[in-house]
Each structure stands twice: as structure tokens, then as C-alpha cells.
Amino acid sequence: MTDTNYPSATPSWQNQSPKNKNYKNLMIGLLAAGLLGTWGYLLYDKNKSGDKIDKQQTVIESQDSKISDLQKDFDNALVRLDSLTGANNTLSGQNADLKAKYDKDIAARKAEIRRILNDKNATAAELAKAKTLIADLNDKITGLETEVARLTGENQQLTVANTNLKQEKSDLEQNLATTKTEKADLEKTVDVASTFSASNIQVMPMNEKKSGKEKETVSAKRVDKLLVSFDIENRIARSGPADMYLIVTAPDGKVISENSNTLNTRTDGDKPFTAKLPVDYVQGQRKNVQFPIRQNDFMTGDYKIEIYHNGFKIGEGIRSLKKGGLFG
């Protein structure tokens, strides 16, 4: 059969007119082109944004690198500065004005550099300023190092000079001490050498008559005085007064002394003396000295007579008195 009541199997769009088909195809093409354009723009914009981000990242990294380099330079400058702390204190003791000037300049630069390096939004101009300040800081430190080196050299020279002066002083003091010792020894030698010597020592027991005449005797009960006589002499002693001391010891061992005077001897300690005899001496001449020893009663036995000058015993003699009889 050729004729039926069933619908035709041909799609409806195929039944459309060519005009409608062309319109639809145009719309589909435009939509596809728009979609492709949108994708293309998005891809282009993404690539462009990526390039921008890359450029910004490069700028940031460059900025960070500059800051890092500046921070290293600053840290190195601070290390140099810290190494001069002890020397700077030495500089302070010698030139306080110079140290104060350096401290003020350096402190100002350090503060400004820290401010810029700690600023995350520091501009290129500020970083350039920080670089200049770090260079100036290094120049200041170099100047300080030079000054400290100069002063250190001067200190070393002064130390050497001071050491030499101390040694010279020590040598002078030693020489002076030696000179003083030699002088003292010489003075002692001269002093000892200027001590008189006594000779021709005589002790004569004398009896004084009412007529005024004197007669020597050995009878103790008749003795009125002991006349001590001796000669003194010294070739180097200068002319002038000299004191002689007599120590007369009685047979009972007691020194005849009226005022209990004491003589300081160089070899026998302190001793009571009987009489002090001032003598006017002429250099190079022998001089005779006489002195009477008086007391109310003379006892029998030996009387010892000692003569001292300049603290030394220069002579002695002994005279015996008896109960009766005549001398000679």
C-alpha cells in the first residue's frame, strides 16, 4: 500500500525551510565564537595576571635581596664597631671630645639605618639612602680605627718610655742608695778615724797640805784627790772642741759619779761616767789633759780609770791605794 494514515518519519527540522536553517546555524556559530572569545580572553587575562604577579614577585624578591644585602653590610659594620669597643674606651680616656663626636655621629646613622631596614614598605630612594648611610658609617668606623691605631701606637711608645723611666728611676734610686751607703760608710770611717787616741796615762794619788803644797802618796787615808793625766792626739780630726769622758770605778765596783750621768758607748752600751772633759784641740798637735777626781774618803784597793771619746774607749789605767806608806 502506498497511502497510509501514519505520520511521516522525516524530522521536523528537515521539513523546515532553508531560511530557518541558516539562521539557526548562524546563531550557533555566533554563540560558539563568543564562547571561544570568552575563553580566549579569560586565558589571555590569566596569562597577563600571571605575568603581572611574576613581575611583582620579581620586584619583591629584588627588594628583599637589596634589603638583605644592606642588612649584611650593616651587620658587618656593627661587627667592626663592636671590635673597637675596648679601644674606643681607651680613646675615651685620652680624647673624650673626639669619642663623643664619633659616638654621636655613629649613633645617628645606626638609628636611621635601622629605621629604613625595618620598614617593610621602604622605597627605593630610602634603600639608596640606607646604602649611603652604611657607607658613611663604614667611613666613620675606618676613621675611628685609624685614630685608635694611632693612639695605640702612642700608648705603646708611652708605655716603653714609662718603662724606661721606671728603670732609670730604679737605677737612680739604687745608685743613690749605694751612694748613701758609701757616704754613710765613709762618714762612719771618717768618724771612727777622727776618734782620738790616748797615751801616757797616769793616775797620781795626791795629798794636799794646809800650806797648799801637794805630795803624791799611796796611802788611801791620806789621798785627797786622784789626778788623772793623759795625752790625746789625732792627725785627721779638725781643730775645735772635743769632749773626753772619764769613768772612774772604785775598788767596790761602783763608778764615782755625782749626777748619775750616762754615756752611750758604741761597744759597751750605756755606762755611768764620772766627768766630761771639754778639750780645745788643734789639728795635728798632741795635747795633755788633766782632771782631778775628788771624794771625801778613798778606800784601799784598785781604782780603774777609763777614757772615752766618740763612744769608743781610747785608754785605761789602774791605780792601787794601800793602807799606809809613801809612793815612790
C-alpha atoms as a PDB file:
ATOM      1  CA  MET A   1       0.000   0.000   0.000  1.00  0.00           C
ATOM      2  CA  THR A   2       1.160   3.410  -0.843  1.00  0.00           C
ATOM      3  CA  ASP A   3      -1.171   5.550   1.115  1.00  0.00           C
ATOM      4  CA  THR A   4      -1.293   5.284   4.972  1.00  0.00           C
ATOM      5  CA  ASN A   5      -2.523   7.361   7.877  1.00  0.00           C
ATOM      6  CA  TYR A   6       0.894   7.207   9.884  1.00  0.00           C
ATOM      7  CA  PRO A   7       2.934  10.338  10.248  1.00  0.00           C
ATOM      8  CA  SER A   8       5.979  10.783   8.124  1.00  0.00           C
ATOM      9  CA  ALA A   9       9.323   9.595   9.611  1.00  0.00           C
ATOM     10  CA  THR A  10      11.190  12.689   8.389  1.00  0.00           C
ATOM     11  CA  PRO A  11      12.338  15.091  11.314  1.00  0.00           C
ATOM     12  CA  SER A  12      10.544  18.343  11.612  1.00  0.00           C
ATOM     13  CA  TRP A  13      13.689  20.410  11.260  1.00  0.00           C
ATOM     14  CA  GLN A  14      14.317  18.760   7.967  1.00  0.00           C
ATOM     15  CA  ASN A  15      10.962  19.927   6.988  1.00  0.00           C
ATOM     16  CA  GLN A  16      11.944  23.488   7.861  1.00  0.00           C
ATOM     17  CA  SER A  17      12.718  25.947   5.242  1.00  0.00           C
ATOM     18  CA  PRO A  18      16.321  26.701   4.212  1.00  0.00           C
ATOM     19  CA  LYS A  19      15.969  30.216   5.602  1.00  0.00           C
ATOM     20  CA  ASN A  20      15.271  28.995   9.106  1.00  0.00           C
ATOM     21  CA  LYS A  21      18.120  26.517   8.932  1.00  0.00           C
ATOM     22  CA  ASN A  22      20.632  29.206   8.008  1.00  0.00           C
ATOM     23  CA  TYR A  23      19.530  31.446  10.872  1.00  0.00           C
ATOM     24  CA  LYS A  24      19.936  28.723  13.438  1.00  0.00           C
ATOM     25  CA  ASN A  25      23.334  27.819  12.116  1.00  0.00           C
ATOM     26  CA  LEU A  26      24.362  31.466  12.320  1.00  0.00           C
ATOM     27  CA  MET A  27      23.257  31.735  15.924  1.00  0.00           C
ATOM     28  CA  ILE A  28      25.080  28.571  16.852  1.00  0.00           C
ATOM     29  CA  GLY A  29      28.235  29.885  15.197  1.00  0.00           C
ATOM     30  CA  LEU A  30      27.970  33.223  16.940  1.00  0.00           C
ATOM     31  CA  LEU A  31      27.491  31.551  20.301  1.00  0.00           C
ATOM     32  CA  ALA A  32      30.430  29.274  19.669  1.00  0.00           C
ATOM     33  CA  ALA A  33      32.576  32.203  18.595  1.00  0.00           C
ATOM     34  CA  GLY A  34      31.547  34.185  21.669  1.00  0.00           C
ATOM     35  CA  LEU A  35      32.312  31.251  23.891  1.00  0.00           C
ATOM     36  CA  LEU A  36      35.692  30.791  22.276  1.00  0.00           C
ATOM     37  CA  GLY A  37      36.364  34.507  22.571  1.00  0.00           C
ATOM     38  CA  THR A  38      35.417  34.456  26.224  1.00  0.00           C
ATOM     39  CA  TRP A  39      37.727  31.524  26.842  1.00  0.00           C
ATOM     40  CA  GLY A  40      40.436  33.211  24.892  1.00  0.00           C
ATOM     41  CA  TYR A  41      40.036  36.449  26.844  1.00  0.00           C
ATOM     42  CA  LEU A  42      39.997  34.596  30.126  1.00  0.00           C
ATOM     43  CA  LEU A  43      43.123  32.713  29.105  1.00  0.00           C
ATOM     44  CA  TYR A  44      44.804  35.935  27.972  1.00  0.00           C
ATOM     45  CA  ASP A  45      43.759  37.749  31.134  1.00  0.00           C
ATOM     46  CA  LYS A  46      45.021  34.881  33.254  1.00  0.00           C
ATOM     47  CA  ASN A  47      48.327  34.887  31.443  1.00  0.00           C
ATOM     48  CA  LYS A  48      48.552  38.652  31.764  1.00  0.00           C
ATOM     49  CA  SER A  49      47.752  38.489  35.506  1.00  0.00           C
ATOM     50  CA  GLY A  50      50.344  35.770  35.889  1.00  0.00           C
ATOM     51  CA  ASP A  51      52.917  37.933  34.160  1.00  0.00           C
ATOM     52  CA  LYS A  52      51.983  40.825  36.410  1.00  0.00           C
ATOM     53  CA  ILE A  53      52.261  38.629  39.506  1.00  0.00           C
ATOM     54  CA  ASP A  54      55.583  37.287  38.250  1.00  0.00           C
ATOM     55  CA  LYS A  55      56.847  40.827  37.719  1.00  0.00           C
ATOM     56  CA  GLN A  56      55.613  41.878  41.177  1.00  0.00           C
ATOM     57  CA  GLN A  57      57.199  38.789  42.684  1.00  0.00           C
ATOM     58  CA  THR A  58      60.442  39.640  40.884  1.00  0.00           C
ATOM     59  CA  VAL A  59      60.277  43.201  42.239  1.00  0.00           C
ATOM     60  CA  ILE A  60      59.591  41.920  45.755  1.00  0.00           C
ATOM     61  CA  GLU A  61      62.422  39.405  45.527  1.00  0.00           C
ATOM     62  CA  SER A  62      64.738  42.115  44.213  1.00  0.00           C
ATOM     63  CA  GLN A  63      63.643  44.398  47.042  1.00  0.00           C
ATOM     64  CA  ASP A  64      64.203  41.659  49.600  1.00  0.00           C
ATOM     65  CA  SER A  65      67.618  40.928  48.111  1.00  0.00           C
ATOM     66  CA  LYS A  66      68.595  44.595  48.347  1.00  0.00           C
ATOM     67  CA  ILE A  67      67.392  44.760  51.945  1.00  0.00           C
ATOM     68  CA  SER A  68      69.217  41.524  52.762  1.00  0.00           C
ATOM     69  CA  ASP A  69      72.432  42.830  51.208  1.00  0.00           C
ATOM     70  CA  LEU A  70      72.067  46.115  53.054  1.00  0.00           C
ATOM     71  CA  GLN A  71      71.410  44.245  56.310  1.00  0.00           C
ATOM     72  CA  LYS A  72      74.576  42.176  55.798  1.00  0.00           C
ATOM     73  CA  ASP A  73      76.609  45.311  55.115  1.00  0.00           C
ATOM     74  CA  PHE A  74      75.095  46.936  58.218  1.00  0.00           C
ATOM     75  CA  ASP A  75      75.797  43.856  60.372  1.00  0.00           C
ATOM     76  CA  ASN A  76      79.413  43.760  59.161  1.00  0.00           C
ATOM     77  CA  ALA A  77      79.788  47.434  60.037  1.00  0.00           C
ATOM     78  CA  LEU A  78      78.411  46.752  63.534  1.00  0.00           C
ATOM     79  CA  VAL A  79      80.888  43.872  63.974  1.00  0.00           C
ATOM     80  CA  ARG A  80      83.728  46.242  63.101  1.00  0.00           C
ATOM     81  CA  LEU A  81      82.324  48.794  65.510  1.00  0.00           C
ATOM     82  CA  ASP A  82      81.982  46.267  68.339  1.00  0.00           C
ATOM     83  CA  SER A  83      85.586  45.164  67.844  1.00  0.00           C
ATOM     84  CA  LEU A  84      86.624  48.731  68.649  1.00  0.00           C
ATOM     85  CA  THR A  85      84.736  48.858  71.956  1.00  0.00           C
ATOM     86  CA  GLY A  86      87.795  48.305  74.151  1.00  0.00           C
ATOM     87  CA  ALA A  87      89.959  50.548  72.009  1.00  0.00           C
ATOM     88  CA  ASN A  88      87.200  53.138  71.975  1.00  0.00           C
ATOM     89  CA  ASN A  89      87.227  53.166  75.758  1.00  0.00           C
ATOM     90  CA  THR A  90      90.970  53.819  75.582  1.00  0.00           C
ATOM     91  CA  LEU A  91      90.237  56.640  73.171  1.00  0.00           C
ATOM     92  CA  SER A  92      87.687  57.956  75.647  1.00  0.00           C
ATOM     93  CA  GLY A  93      90.273  58.201  78.358  1.00  0.00           C
ATOM     94  CA  GLN A  94      92.646  60.162  76.141  1.00  0.00           C
ATOM     95  CA  ASN A  95      90.346  62.257  73.971  1.00  0.00           C
ATOM     96  CA  ALA A  96      86.838  62.464  75.372  1.00  0.00           C
ATOM     97  CA  ASP A  97      85.754  65.171  72.901  1.00  0.00           C
ATOM     98  CA  LEU A  98      86.774  63.080  69.907  1.00  0.00           C
ATOM     99  CA  LYS A  99      84.998  60.000  71.243  1.00  0.00           C
ATOM    100  CA  ALA A 100      81.823  61.979  71.972  1.00  0.00           C
ATOM    101  CA  LYS A 101      81.832  63.297  68.392  1.00  0.00           C
ATOM    102  CA  TYR A 102      82.240  59.825  66.915  1.00  0.00           C
ATOM    103  CA  ASP A 103      79.606  58.330  69.236  1.00  0.00           C
ATOM    104  CA  LYS A 104      77.056  60.999  68.302  1.00  0.00           C
ATOM    105  CA  ASP A 105      77.607  60.649  64.532  1.00  0.00           C
ATOM    106  CA  ILE A 106      77.630  56.856  64.600  1.00  0.00           C
ATOM    107  CA  ALA A 107      74.540  56.604  66.825  1.00  0.00           C
ATOM    108  CA  ALA A 108      72.552  58.873  64.463  1.00  0.00           C
ATOM    109  CA  ARG A 109      73.484  56.792  61.412  1.00  0.00           C
ATOM    110  CA  LYS A 110      72.750  53.499  63.136  1.00  0.00           C
ATOM    111  CA  ALA A 111      69.298  54.678  64.164  1.00  0.00           C
ATOM    112  CA  GLU A 112      68.388  55.902  60.660  1.00  0.00           C
ATOM    113  CA  ILE A 113      69.684  52.707  59.005  1.00  0.00           C
ATOM    114  CA  ARG A 114      67.684  50.515  61.390  1.00  0.00           C
ATOM    115  CA  ARG A 115      64.553  52.559  60.739  1.00  0.00           C
ATOM    116  CA  ILE A 116      64.808  52.078  56.964  1.00  0.00           C
ATOM    117  CA  LEU A 117      65.721  48.366  57.096  1.00  0.00           C
ATOM    118  CA  ASN A 118      62.850  47.631  59.477  1.00  0.00           C
ATOM    119  CA  ASP A 119      60.359  49.415  57.198  1.00  0.00           C
ATOM    120  CA  LYS A 120      58.645  46.772  55.020  1.00  0.00           C
ATOM    121  CA  ASN A 121      57.364  49.497  52.716  1.00  0.00           C
ATOM    122  CA  ALA A 122      60.712  51.237  52.274  1.00  0.00           C
ATOM    123  CA  THR A 123      61.062  52.870  48.897  1.00  0.00           C
ATOM    124  CA  ALA A 124      63.970  52.511  46.546  1.00  0.00           C
ATOM    125  CA  ALA A 125      65.062  56.024  47.459  1.00  0.00           C
ATOM    126  CA  GLU A 126      65.064  55.133  51.150  1.00  0.00           C
ATOM    127  CA  LEU A 127      67.061  51.968  50.457  1.00  0.00           C
ATOM    128  CA  ALA A 128      69.542  54.039  48.472  1.00  0.00           C
ATOM    129  CA  LYS A 129      69.762  56.392  51.426  1.00  0.00           C
ATOM    130  CA  ALA A 130      70.371  53.440  53.741  1.00  0.00           C
ATOM    131  CA  LYS A 131      73.174  52.269  51.449  1.00  0.00           C
ATOM    132  CA  THR A 132      74.748  55.725  51.577  1.00  0.00           C
ATOM    133  CA  LEU A 133      74.408  55.845  55.368  1.00  0.00           C
ATOM    134  CA  ILE A 134      76.055  52.423  55.703  1.00  0.00           C
ATOM    135  CA  ALA A 135      78.922  53.625  53.518  1.00  0.00           C
ATOM    136  CA  ASP A 136      79.252  56.736  55.693  1.00  0.00           C
ATOM    137  CA  LEU A 137      79.145  54.545  58.805  1.00  0.00           C
ATOM    138  CA  ASN A 138      81.974  52.405  57.448  1.00  0.00           C
ATOM    139  CA  ASP A 139      83.943  55.576  56.710  1.00  0.00           C
ATOM    140  CA  LYS A 140      83.404  56.739  60.285  1.00  0.00           C
ATOM    141  CA  ILE A 141      84.484  53.354  61.605  1.00  0.00           C
ATOM    142  CA  THR A 142      87.570  53.423  59.377  1.00  0.00           C
ATOM    143  CA  GLY A 143      88.408  56.848  60.746  1.00  0.00           C
ATOM    144  CA  LEU A 144      87.915  55.564  64.270  1.00  0.00           C
ATOM    145  CA  GLU A 145      90.123  52.545  63.556  1.00  0.00           C
ATOM    146  CA  THR A 146      92.827  54.849  62.225  1.00  0.00           C
ATOM    147  CA  GLU A 147      92.603  57.101  65.267  1.00  0.00           C
ATOM    148  CA  VAL A 148      92.624  54.165  67.665  1.00  0.00           C
ATOM    149  CA  ALA A 149      95.625  52.662  65.845  1.00  0.00           C
ATOM    150  CA  ARG A 150      97.434  55.994  66.151  1.00  0.00           C
ATOM    151  CA  LEU A 151      96.635  56.310  69.833  1.00  0.00           C
ATOM    152  CA  THR A 152      97.531  52.667  70.435  1.00  0.00           C
ATOM    153  CA  GLY A 153     100.914  53.302  68.853  1.00  0.00           C
ATOM    154  CA  GLU A 154     101.388  56.376  71.007  1.00  0.00           C
ATOM    155  CA  ASN A 155     100.334  54.377  74.070  1.00  0.00           C
ATOM    156  CA  GLN A 156     102.891  51.709  73.253  1.00  0.00           C
ATOM    157  CA  GLN A 157     105.568  54.356  72.883  1.00  0.00           C
ATOM    158  CA  LEU A 158     104.487  55.926  76.166  1.00  0.00           C
ATOM    159  CA  THR A 159     104.479  52.506  77.819  1.00  0.00           C
ATOM    160  CA  VAL A 160     108.015  51.844  76.609  1.00  0.00           C
ATOM    161  CA  ALA A 161     109.083  55.336  77.670  1.00  0.00           C
ATOM    162  CA  ASN A 162     107.391  54.862  81.051  1.00  0.00           C
ATOM    163  CA  THR A 163     109.093  51.503  81.489  1.00  0.00           C
ATOM    164  CA  ASN A 164     112.425  53.079  80.636  1.00  0.00           C
ATOM    165  CA  LEU A 165     111.767  55.922  83.056  1.00  0.00           C
ATOM    166  CA  LYS A 166     110.852  53.459  85.798  1.00  0.00           C
ATOM    167  CA  GLN A 167     114.039  51.522  85.106  1.00  0.00           C
ATOM    168  CA  GLU A 168     116.073  54.720  85.099  1.00  0.00           C
ATOM    169  CA  LYS A 169     114.372  55.766  88.330  1.00  0.00           C
ATOM    170  CA  SER A 170     115.109  52.365  89.835  1.00  0.00           C
ATOM    171  CA  ASP A 171     118.723  52.633  88.709  1.00  0.00           C
ATOM    172  CA  LEU A 172     118.990  56.147  90.125  1.00  0.00           C
ATOM    173  CA  GLU A 173     117.412  55.068  93.399  1.00  0.00           C
ATOM    174  CA  GLN A 174     119.770  52.108  93.555  1.00  0.00           C
ATOM    175  CA  ASN A 175     122.727  54.324  92.739  1.00  0.00           C
ATOM    176  CA  LEU A 176     121.506  56.844  95.294  1.00  0.00           C
ATOM    177  CA  ALA A 177     121.108  54.114  97.870  1.00  0.00           C
ATOM    178  CA  THR A 178     124.578  52.869  97.019  1.00  0.00           C
ATOM    179  CA  THR A 179     125.904  56.409  97.216  1.00  0.00           C
ATOM    180  CA  LYS A 180     124.166  56.945 100.545  1.00  0.00           C
ATOM    181  CA  THR A 181     125.558  53.661 101.815  1.00  0.00           C
ATOM    182  CA  GLU A 182     129.008  54.548 100.591  1.00  0.00           C
ATOM    183  CA  LYS A 183     128.637  58.006 102.066  1.00  0.00           C
ATOM    184  CA  ALA A 184     127.461  56.554 105.364  1.00  0.00           C
ATOM    185  CA  ASP A 185     130.334  54.083 105.325  1.00  0.00           C
ATOM    186  CA  LEU A 186     132.747  56.879 104.510  1.00  0.00           C
ATOM    187  CA  GLU A 187     131.282  59.075 107.224  1.00  0.00           C
ATOM    188  CA  LYS A 188     131.497  56.170 109.621  1.00  0.00           C
ATOM    189  CA  THR A 189     135.082  55.568 108.590  1.00  0.00           C
ATOM    190  CA  VAL A 190     135.917  59.247 108.976  1.00  0.00           C
ATOM    191  CA  ASP A 191     134.007  59.351 112.255  1.00  0.00           C
ATOM    192  CA  VAL A 192     135.885  56.361 113.614  1.00  0.00           C
ATOM    193  CA  ALA A 193     139.145  57.635 112.205  1.00  0.00           C
ATOM    194  CA  SER A 194     138.579  61.002 113.860  1.00  0.00           C
ATOM    195  CA  THR A 195     138.428  59.356 117.274  1.00  0.00           C
ATOM    196  CA  PHE A 196     141.320  60.495 119.448  1.00  0.00           C
ATOM    197  CA  SER A 197     143.888  58.149 120.868  1.00  0.00           C
ATOM    198  CA  ALA A 198     145.046  58.463 124.455  1.00  0.00           C
ATOM    199  CA  SER A 199     148.580  57.788 125.619  1.00  0.00           C
ATOM    200  CA  ASN A 200     150.866  58.404 128.583  1.00  0.00           C
ATOM    201  CA  ILE A 201     148.015  57.738 131.025  1.00  0.00           C
ATOM    202  CA  GLN A 202     148.908  58.482 134.634  1.00  0.00           C
ATOM    203  CA  VAL A 203     146.850  58.382 137.841  1.00  0.00           C
ATOM    204  CA  MET A 204     148.535  60.111 140.757  1.00  0.00           C
ATOM    205  CA  PRO A 205     147.036  59.943 144.297  1.00  0.00           C
ATOM    206  CA  MET A 206     147.743  63.346 145.836  1.00  0.00           C
ATOM    207  CA  ASN A 207     147.795  64.572 149.410  1.00  0.00           C
ATOM    208  CA  GLU A 208     147.137  68.277 149.761  1.00  0.00           C
ATOM    209  CA  LYS A 209     148.924  70.065 152.632  1.00  0.00           C
ATOM    210  CA  LYS A 210     147.496  73.039 154.502  1.00  0.00           C
ATOM    211  CA  SER A 211     150.303  75.082 153.036  1.00  0.00           C
ATOM    212  CA  GLY A 212     148.931  74.340 149.576  1.00  0.00           C
ATOM    213  CA  LYS A 213     151.681  72.014 148.621  1.00  0.00           C
ATOM    214  CA  GLU A 214     150.767  68.632 147.096  1.00  0.00           C
ATOM    215  CA  LYS A 215     152.500  65.361 147.609  1.00  0.00           C
ATOM    216  CA  GLU A 216     151.942  62.067 145.920  1.00  0.00           C
ATOM    217  CA  THR A 217     151.016  59.178 148.232  1.00  0.00           C
ATOM    218  CA  VAL A 218     149.669  55.638 148.059  1.00  0.00           C
ATOM    219  CA  SER A 219     148.046  55.705 151.493  1.00  0.00           C
ATOM    220  CA  ALA A 220     144.304  55.642 150.979  1.00  0.00           C
ATOM    221  CA  LYS A 221     143.530  57.617 154.115  1.00  0.00           C
ATOM    222  CA  ARG A 222     145.881  60.426 153.040  1.00  0.00           C
ATOM    223  CA  VAL A 223     144.637  60.777 149.446  1.00  0.00           C
ATOM    224  CA  ASP A 224     142.647  63.929 148.794  1.00  0.00           C
ATOM    225  CA  LYS A 225     142.347  63.516 145.054  1.00  0.00           C
ATOM    226  CA  LEU A 226     143.341  61.303 142.125  1.00  0.00           C
ATOM    227  CA  LEU A 227     144.949  63.429 139.445  1.00  0.00           C
ATOM    228  CA  VAL A 228     144.291  61.803 136.068  1.00  0.00           C
ATOM    229  CA  SER A 229     146.629  62.884 133.301  1.00  0.00           C
ATOM    230  CA  PHE A 230     146.872  61.711 129.672  1.00  0.00           C
ATOM    231  CA  ASP A 231     147.821  62.896 126.191  1.00  0.00           C
ATOM    232  CA  ILE A 232     145.381  62.920 123.240  1.00  0.00           C
ATOM    233  CA  GLU A 233     146.147  63.114 119.543  1.00  0.00           C
ATOM    234  CA  ASN A 234     144.550  62.642 116.108  1.00  0.00           C
ATOM    235  CA  ARG A 235     146.019  63.609 112.758  1.00  0.00           C
ATOM    236  CA  ILE A 236     142.724  63.955 110.810  1.00  0.00           C
ATOM    237  CA  ALA A 237     140.474  65.433 113.477  1.00  0.00           C
ATOM    238  CA  ARG A 238     139.746  69.054 112.741  1.00  0.00           C
ATOM    239  CA  SER A 239     140.642  71.767 115.205  1.00  0.00           C
ATOM    240  CA  GLY A 240     137.927  72.646 117.649  1.00  0.00           C
ATOM    241  CA  PRO A 241     136.182  71.445 120.796  1.00  0.00           C
ATOM    242  CA  ALA A 242     136.154  67.756 121.649  1.00  0.00           C
ATOM    243  CA  ASP A 243     134.645  66.010 124.656  1.00  0.00           C
ATOM    244  CA  MET A 244     136.508  63.372 126.656  1.00  0.00           C
ATOM    245  CA  TYR A 245     134.741  61.236 129.252  1.00  0.00           C
ATOM    246  CA  LEU A 246     136.296  59.743 132.396  1.00  0.00           C
ATOM    247  CA  ILE A 247     134.866  56.703 134.097  1.00  0.00           C
ATOM    248  CA  VAL A 248     136.485  56.055 137.490  1.00  0.00           C
ATOM    249  CA  THR A 249     135.480  52.809 139.162  1.00  0.00           C
ATOM    250  CA  ALA A 250     136.231  52.415 142.898  1.00  0.00           C
ATOM    251  CA  PRO A 251     137.509  49.178 144.438  1.00  0.00           C
ATOM    252  CA  ASP A 252     133.919  48.284 145.434  1.00  0.00           C
ATOM    253  CA  GLY A 253     132.921  48.220 141.729  1.00  0.00           C
ATOM    254  CA  LYS A 254     130.864  51.412 141.826  1.00  0.00           C
ATOM    255  CA  VAL A 255     131.508  54.283 139.434  1.00  0.00           C
ATOM    256  CA  ILE A 256     132.323  57.579 141.105  1.00  0.00           C
ATOM    257  CA  SER A 257     129.595  59.875 139.757  1.00  0.00           C
ATOM    258  CA  GLU A 258     127.892  62.891 141.260  1.00  0.00           C
ATOM    259  CA  ASN A 259     124.949  63.357 138.863  1.00  0.00           C
ATOM    260  CA  SER A 260     124.387  59.778 137.689  1.00  0.00           C
ATOM    261  CA  ASN A 261     125.082  60.856 134.097  1.00  0.00           C
ATOM    262  CA  THR A 262     125.119  58.155 131.417  1.00  0.00           C
ATOM    263  CA  LEU A 263     127.402  57.774 128.419  1.00  0.00           C
ATOM    264  CA  ASN A 264     126.229  55.858 125.344  1.00  0.00           C
ATOM    265  CA  THR A 265     129.218  53.823 124.201  1.00  0.00           C
ATOM    266  CA  ARG A 266     129.471  52.038 120.847  1.00  0.00           C
ATOM    267  CA  THR A 267     130.778  48.771 122.237  1.00  0.00           C
ATOM    268  CA  ASP A 268     129.785  48.597 125.903  1.00  0.00           C
ATOM    269  CA  GLY A 269     126.260  50.026 125.932  1.00  0.00           C
ATOM    270  CA  ASP A 270     125.211  52.775 128.319  1.00  0.00           C
ATOM    271  CA  LYS A 271     127.592  53.435 131.169  1.00  0.00           C
ATOM    272  CA  PRO A 272     127.617  55.994 134.002  1.00  0.00           C
ATOM    273  CA  PHE A 273     130.532  58.370 133.751  1.00  0.00           C
ATOM    274  CA  THR A 274     132.493  60.375 136.296  1.00  0.00           C
ATOM    275  CA  ALA A 275     133.332  63.524 134.398  1.00  0.00           C
ATOM    276  CA  LYS A 276     133.018  65.142 130.970  1.00  0.00           C
ATOM    277  CA  LEU A 277     136.173  66.983 129.900  1.00  0.00           C
ATOM    278  CA  PRO A 278     135.790  69.619 127.144  1.00  0.00           C
ATOM    279  CA  VAL A 279     139.074  69.917 125.219  1.00  0.00           C
ATOM    280  CA  ASP A 280     140.028  72.640 122.739  1.00  0.00           C
ATOM    281  CA  TYR A 281     142.070  70.695 120.206  1.00  0.00           C
ATOM    282  CA  VAL A 282     144.417  71.900 117.466  1.00  0.00           C
ATOM    283  CA  GLN A 283     144.666  69.560 114.498  1.00  0.00           C
ATOM    284  CA  GLY A 284     147.882  67.552 114.323  1.00  0.00           C
ATOM    285  CA  GLN A 285     149.083  68.543 117.801  1.00  0.00           C
ATOM    286  CA  ARG A 286     149.367  66.375 120.872  1.00  0.00           C
ATOM    287  CA  LYS A 287     147.551  67.809 123.886  1.00  0.00           C
ATOM    288  CA  ASN A 288     147.838  66.952 127.534  1.00  0.00           C
ATOM    289  CA  VAL A 289     144.637  66.680 129.583  1.00  0.00           C
ATOM    290  CA  GLN A 290     144.431  66.648 133.367  1.00  0.00           C
ATOM    291  CA  PHE A 291     141.463  66.232 135.653  1.00  0.00           C
ATOM    292  CA  PRO A 292     141.238  65.725 139.454  1.00  0.00           C
ATOM    293  CA  ILE A 293     138.898  63.122 140.930  1.00  0.00           C
ATOM    294  CA  ARG A 294     137.831  64.159 144.443  1.00  0.00           C
ATOM    295  CA  GLN A 295     135.779  62.495 147.151  1.00  0.00           C
ATOM    296  CA  ASN A 296     135.707  62.524 150.935  1.00  0.00           C
ATOM    297  CA  ASP A 297     137.182  59.115 151.565  1.00  0.00           C
ATOM    298  CA  PHE A 298     139.249  56.952 149.274  1.00  0.00           C
ATOM    299  CA  MET A 299     139.249  53.228 150.022  1.00  0.00           C
ATOM    300  CA  THR A 300     142.092  50.807 149.693  1.00  0.00           C
ATOM    301  CA  GLY A 301     142.229  48.735 146.536  1.00  0.00           C
ATOM    302  CA  ASP A 302     142.399  49.292 142.791  1.00  0.00           C
ATOM    303  CA  TYR A 303     140.847  52.335 141.111  1.00  0.00           C
ATOM    304  CA  LYS A 304     140.156  51.779 137.442  1.00  0.00           C
ATOM    305  CA  ILE A 305     140.234  54.793 135.125  1.00  0.00           C
ATOM    306  CA  GLU A 306     138.727  54.566 131.597  1.00  0.00           C
ATOM    307  CA  ILE A 307     138.892  57.289 128.970  1.00  0.00           C
ATOM    308  CA  TYR A 308     136.201  57.535 126.230  1.00  0.00           C
ATOM    309  CA  HIS A 309     135.886  59.670 123.137  1.00  0.00           C
ATOM    310  CA  ASN A 310     133.301  59.477 120.330  1.00  0.00           C
ATOM    311  CA  GLY A 311     131.714  56.486 122.078  1.00  0.00           C
ATOM    312  CA  PHE A 312     134.921  54.456 121.993  1.00  0.00           C
ATOM    313  CA  LYS A 313     137.242  53.622 124.862  1.00  0.00           C
ATOM    314  CA  ILE A 314     140.583  55.147 123.927  1.00  0.00           C
ATOM    315  CA  GLY A 315     142.601  54.239 127.016  1.00  0.00           C
ATOM    316  CA  GLU A 316     142.537  52.972 130.591  1.00  0.00           C
ATOM    317  CA  GLY A 317     144.725  52.737 133.669  1.00  0.00           C
ATOM    318  CA  ILE A 318     144.672  51.269 137.208  1.00  0.00           C
ATOM    319  CA  ARG A 319     145.945  52.810 140.428  1.00  0.00           C
ATOM    320  CA  SER A 320     146.163  50.948 143.723  1.00  0.00           C
ATOM    321  CA  LEU A 321     145.825  52.598 147.136  1.00  0.00           C
ATOM    322  CA  LYS A 322     147.134  51.000 150.294  1.00  0.00           C
ATOM    323  CA  LYS A 323     146.602  51.427 153.953  1.00  0.00           C
ATOM    324  CA  GLY A 324     149.856  53.278 154.546  1.00  0.00           C
ATOM    325  CA  GLY A 325     153.290  54.109 153.160  1.00  0.00           C
ATOM    326  CA  LEU A 326     154.660  56.551 150.680  1.00  0.00           C
ATOM    327  CA  PHE A 327     154.627  56.400 146.896  1.00  0.00           C
ATOM    328  CA  GLY A 328     157.987  56.087 145.167  1.00  0.00           C
END
